[in-house]
Structure formats: C-alpha cells, structure tokens
C-alpha cells in the first residue's frame, strides 16, 4: 500500500495519509452507506490537509494483517475486485 493509492482524474484522494511502501497495510472502510455521511468523508479525502474523522469510518495505518468476519454472507470488494 502507498498513499495516495487512488485518484479522481489527476487529483490524489487521501484515505490513509500515513501509509507508505515501508509500512504495513492501510485499511479504509465505512460501516454506513448513508449518502450525507459519506459525502462529508469525500470532502475530507479531497482536502489538501486530510483529517479523516467519522463515526462510521474504520481506518488504520501500518497493520501487519487484517481479518474480516461476518455472521452472514456479505458481498464485498477488495482492491477493486468483487470477491462475492
């Protein structure tokens, strides 16, 4: 992982500013699909000095590993690929 790892045209989108090739994994996920809450996140990500804060945001930098579990099947996407 590196930061930024995604772009809107040529503009960098900052999800994990502390993630570099020398650090561990960067994780960015939301627990809500509420449009207004996520539009606030988009505004924060497009800021020149990103400070990402939201109750529904799961974000961490420099993780050695990550395990995601669910009691029921959940469709998800990882690194842009649909995995079911």
C-alpha atoms as a PDB file:
ATOM      1  CA  UNK A   1       0.000   0.000   0.000  1.00  0.00           C
ATOM      2  CA  UNK A   2       1.028   3.550  -0.601  1.00  0.00           C
ATOM      3  CA  UNK A   3      -0.643   6.901  -0.129  1.00  0.00           C
ATOM      4  CA  UNK A   4      -2.341   8.134  -2.146  1.00  0.00           C
ATOM      5  CA  UNK A   5      -3.482   4.846  -3.677  1.00  0.00           C
ATOM      6  CA  UNK A   6      -6.437   6.249  -5.589  1.00  0.00           C
ATOM      7  CA  UNK A   7      -7.114   9.300  -7.722  1.00  0.00           C
ATOM      8  CA  UNK A   8     -10.045  11.323  -9.076  1.00  0.00           C
ATOM      9  CA  UNK A   9      -8.636  12.063 -12.531  1.00  0.00           C
ATOM     10  CA  UNK A  10      -5.206  13.568 -11.718  1.00  0.00           C
ATOM     11  CA  UNK A  11      -6.167  14.685  -8.187  1.00  0.00           C
ATOM     12  CA  UNK A  12      -4.987  12.431  -5.326  1.00  0.00           C
ATOM     13  CA  UNK A  13      -7.630  11.125  -2.907  1.00  0.00           C
ATOM     14  CA  UNK A  14      -6.163  10.728   0.591  1.00  0.00           C
ATOM     15  CA  UNK A  15      -7.673   7.823   2.518  1.00  0.00           C
ATOM     16  CA  UNK A  16      -4.616   6.735   4.506  1.00  0.00           C
ATOM     17  CA  UNK A  17      -2.079   9.594   4.596  1.00  0.00           C
ATOM     18  CA  UNK A  18       0.248   7.643   6.928  1.00  0.00           C
ATOM     19  CA  UNK A  19       0.607   4.588   4.677  1.00  0.00           C
ATOM     20  CA  UNK A  20       3.830   4.130   2.694  1.00  0.00           C
ATOM     21  CA  UNK A  21       5.611   1.261   0.953  1.00  0.00           C
ATOM     22  CA  UNK A  22       7.744   0.905   4.098  1.00  0.00           C
ATOM     23  CA  UNK A  23       4.771   0.484   6.461  1.00  0.00           C
ATOM     24  CA  UNK A  24       2.113  -2.195   6.819  1.00  0.00           C
ATOM     25  CA  UNK A  25      -1.400  -2.313   5.404  1.00  0.00           C
ATOM     26  CA  UNK A  26      -3.672   0.694   5.298  1.00  0.00           C
ATOM     27  CA  UNK A  27      -7.364  -0.001   5.966  1.00  0.00           C
ATOM     28  CA  UNK A  28     -10.230   2.304   4.972  1.00  0.00           C
ATOM     29  CA  UNK A  29     -13.849   1.143   5.305  1.00  0.00           C
ATOM     30  CA  UNK A  30     -17.226   2.574   6.229  1.00  0.00           C
ATOM     31  CA  UNK A  31     -19.970   0.899   8.240  1.00  0.00           C
ATOM     32  CA  UNK A  32     -22.715   3.008   6.650  1.00  0.00           C
ATOM     33  CA  UNK A  33     -23.799   3.772   3.115  1.00  0.00           C
ATOM     34  CA  UNK A  34     -25.599   6.972   4.181  1.00  0.00           C
ATOM     35  CA  UNK A  35     -25.034   9.431   1.338  1.00  0.00           C
ATOM     36  CA  UNK A  36     -24.711  12.549   3.539  1.00  0.00           C
ATOM     37  CA  UNK A  37     -22.237  10.944   5.939  1.00  0.00           C
ATOM     38  CA  UNK A  38     -20.127   9.645   3.061  1.00  0.00           C
ATOM     39  CA  UNK A  39     -20.201  12.959   1.193  1.00  0.00           C
ATOM     40  CA  UNK A  40     -18.579  14.515   4.274  1.00  0.00           C
ATOM     41  CA  UNK A  41     -15.868  11.846   4.049  1.00  0.00           C
ATOM     42  CA  UNK A  42     -15.333  12.585   0.352  1.00  0.00           C
ATOM     43  CA  UNK A  43     -14.884  16.260   1.176  1.00  0.00           C
ATOM     44  CA  UNK A  44     -12.317  15.353   3.859  1.00  0.00           C
ATOM     45  CA  UNK A  45     -10.456  12.993   1.491  1.00  0.00           C
ATOM     46  CA  UNK A  46     -10.164  15.714  -1.157  1.00  0.00           C
ATOM     47  CA  UNK A  47      -8.767  18.256   1.286  1.00  0.00           C
ATOM     48  CA  UNK A  48      -5.181  19.458   0.895  1.00  0.00           C
ATOM     49  CA  UNK A  49      -4.616  18.529   4.573  1.00  0.00           C
ATOM     50  CA  UNK A  50      -6.830  15.479   5.088  1.00  0.00           C
ATOM     51  CA  UNK A  51      -8.123  14.850   8.611  1.00  0.00           C
ATOM     52  CA  UNK A  52     -10.460  11.893   8.263  1.00  0.00           C
ATOM     53  CA  UNK A  53     -12.948  11.617  11.102  1.00  0.00           C
ATOM     54  CA  UNK A  54     -16.381   9.986  11.168  1.00  0.00           C
ATOM     55  CA  UNK A  55     -18.308   7.668  13.498  1.00  0.00           C
ATOM     56  CA  UNK A  56     -18.899   5.230  10.646  1.00  0.00           C
ATOM     57  CA  UNK A  57     -15.255   5.142   9.478  1.00  0.00           C
ATOM     58  CA  UNK A  58     -12.859   2.264  10.129  1.00  0.00           C
ATOM     59  CA  UNK A  59      -9.379   3.478   9.224  1.00  0.00           C
ATOM     60  CA  UNK A  60      -5.922   2.448  10.353  1.00  0.00           C
ATOM     61  CA  UNK A  61      -2.371   2.569   9.048  1.00  0.00           C
ATOM     62  CA  UNK A  62       0.588   0.210   9.428  1.00  0.00           C
ATOM     63  CA  UNK A  63      -1.277  -3.043  10.146  1.00  0.00           C
ATOM     64  CA  UNK A  64       0.623  -6.310   9.897  1.00  0.00           C
ATOM     65  CA  UNK A  65      -2.592  -8.200   9.000  1.00  0.00           C
ATOM     66  CA  UNK A  66      -6.354  -7.850   8.904  1.00  0.00           C
ATOM     67  CA  UNK A  67      -9.183 -10.336   9.399  1.00  0.00           C
ATOM     68  CA  UNK A  68     -12.763  -9.513   8.413  1.00  0.00           C
ATOM     69  CA  UNK A  69     -15.584 -11.719   9.699  1.00  0.00           C
ATOM     70  CA  UNK A  70     -19.369 -11.741   9.423  1.00  0.00           C
ATOM     71  CA  UNK A  71     -22.178 -13.868  10.831  1.00  0.00           C
ATOM     72  CA  UNK A  72     -23.916 -13.810   7.447  1.00  0.00           C
ATOM     73  CA  UNK A  73     -22.583 -13.709   3.876  1.00  0.00           C
ATOM     74  CA  UNK A  74     -21.683 -10.175   2.771  1.00  0.00           C
ATOM     75  CA  UNK A  75     -20.840  -9.092  -0.766  1.00  0.00           C
ATOM     76  CA  UNK A  76     -17.577  -7.168  -0.799  1.00  0.00           C
ATOM     77  CA  UNK A  77     -14.881  -5.654  -2.955  1.00  0.00           C
ATOM     78  CA  UNK A  78     -11.162  -5.847  -2.170  1.00  0.00           C
ATOM     79  CA  UNK A  79      -8.587  -3.796  -4.083  1.00  0.00           C
ATOM     80  CA  UNK A  80     -11.232  -3.008  -6.687  1.00  0.00           C
ATOM     81  CA  UNK A  81     -12.099  -6.661  -7.319  1.00  0.00           C
ATOM     82  CA  UNK A  82     -15.541  -8.078  -6.500  1.00  0.00           C
ATOM     83  CA  UNK A  83     -14.998 -11.148  -4.321  1.00  0.00           C
ATOM     84  CA  UNK A  84     -18.612 -12.128  -3.719  1.00  0.00           C
END
